Amino acid sequence: EKTNIVNLLNTKDLALIDPDDKTILSTICKFYDHRPLFVDYDVRLDAMLQAFLQAGNSHMAIVQKLHNTDDQDPYFE
């Protein structure tokens, strides 16, 4: 679910962290604040690029495909 992904962490975010400090992950996530950008599987590329521009510093997106059938609830893949 979308709500399960709350932040993105890049390995470069950890470059200056001293493991002996035992820093809590949420501290790093709050500092860098790489919020995920969610897009639909069938979005046009021009709209995708516009979404990146509006998001600001985002360079990665989580692509979701909605499965919608009559016999079950819709779900994202």
Protein backbone atom coordinates (compact mmCIF):
# COMPACT_ATOMS: atom_id res chain seq x y z
CA GLU A 1 0.00 0.00 0.00
CA LYS A 2 1.01 3.59 -0.57
CA THR A 3 0.88 4.26 3.12
CA ASN A 4 3.47 1.54 3.78
CA ILE A 5 6.19 3.54 2.00
CA VAL A 6 6.93 6.63 4.04
CA ASN A 7 10.37 7.72 2.84
CA LEU A 8 13.28 6.82 0.58
CA LEU A 9 16.83 6.36 1.78
CA ASN A 10 19.87 6.67 -0.47
CA THR A 11 23.18 5.10 0.49
CA LYS A 12 24.86 8.48 -0.03
CA ASP A 13 22.69 9.82 2.82
CA LEU A 14 24.66 7.55 5.14
CA ALA A 15 28.13 8.58 3.96
CA LEU A 16 28.82 11.00 6.81
CA ILE A 17 27.05 9.05 9.54
CA ASP A 18 29.21 7.42 12.21
CA PRO A 19 27.81 3.94 12.99
CA ASP A 20 29.11 4.26 16.55
CA ASP A 21 26.65 7.13 17.11
CA LYS A 22 23.77 4.63 16.78
CA THR A 23 21.67 7.21 14.94
CA ILE A 24 18.00 6.28 14.56
CA LEU A 25 16.84 5.85 10.96
CA SER A 26 13.90 8.23 11.37
CA THR A 27 16.36 11.02 12.19
CA ILE A 28 18.10 10.57 8.83
CA CYS A 29 14.78 10.31 6.97
CA LYS A 30 13.47 13.50 8.56
CA PHE A 31 16.70 15.35 7.75
CA TYR A 32 16.84 14.43 4.04
CA ASP A 33 13.06 14.12 3.59
CA HIS A 34 13.10 12.07 0.35
CA ARG A 35 9.36 11.60 0.04
CA PRO A 36 8.29 9.02 -2.51
CA LEU A 37 6.59 10.09 -5.73
CA PHE A 38 3.83 7.67 -6.76
CA VAL A 39 2.73 7.47 -10.39
CA ASP A 40 0.37 5.27 -12.38
CA TYR A 41 1.73 2.61 -14.71
CA ASP A 42 0.04 4.15 -17.76
CA VAL A 43 0.99 7.81 -17.20
CA ARG A 44 2.36 9.65 -20.24
CA LEU A 45 6.03 10.60 -20.10
CA ASP A 46 5.37 14.33 -20.47
CA ALA A 47 3.09 14.16 -17.42
CA MET A 48 5.72 12.12 -15.59
CA LEU A 49 8.40 14.72 -16.27
CA GLN A 50 6.03 17.44 -15.11
CA ALA A 51 5.42 15.51 -11.89
CA PHE A 52 9.19 15.34 -11.31
CA LEU A 53 9.48 19.09 -11.83
CA GLN A 54 6.65 19.79 -9.41
CA ALA A 55 8.08 17.43 -6.80
CA GLY A 56 11.30 19.43 -6.73
CA ASN A 57 14.30 17.36 -5.73
CA SER A 58 12.79 13.97 -6.59
CA HIS A 59 14.56 11.83 -9.19
CA MET A 60 12.84 8.52 -8.51
CA ALA A 61 9.23 7.38 -8.74
CA ILE A 62 7.32 4.40 -7.46
CA VAL A 63 5.26 3.09 -10.36
CA GLN A 64 1.98 1.40 -9.51
CA LYS A 65 -0.33 -0.62 -11.70
CA LEU A 66 -3.98 -0.81 -10.65
CA HIS A 67 -5.66 -4.17 -11.15
CA ASN A 68 -9.40 -3.73 -11.30
CA THR A 69 -11.54 -6.80 -11.93
CA ASP A 70 -15.22 -7.42 -11.32
CA ASP A 71 -14.72 -10.40 -9.02
CA GLN A 72 -12.39 -8.79 -6.46
CA ASP A 73 -11.43 -5.47 -4.93
CA PRO A 74 -9.01 -3.30 -6.91
CA TYR A 75 -5.39 -3.59 -5.84
CA PHE A 76 -2.05 -2.05 -6.81
CA GLU A 77 0.89 -4.07 -8.04
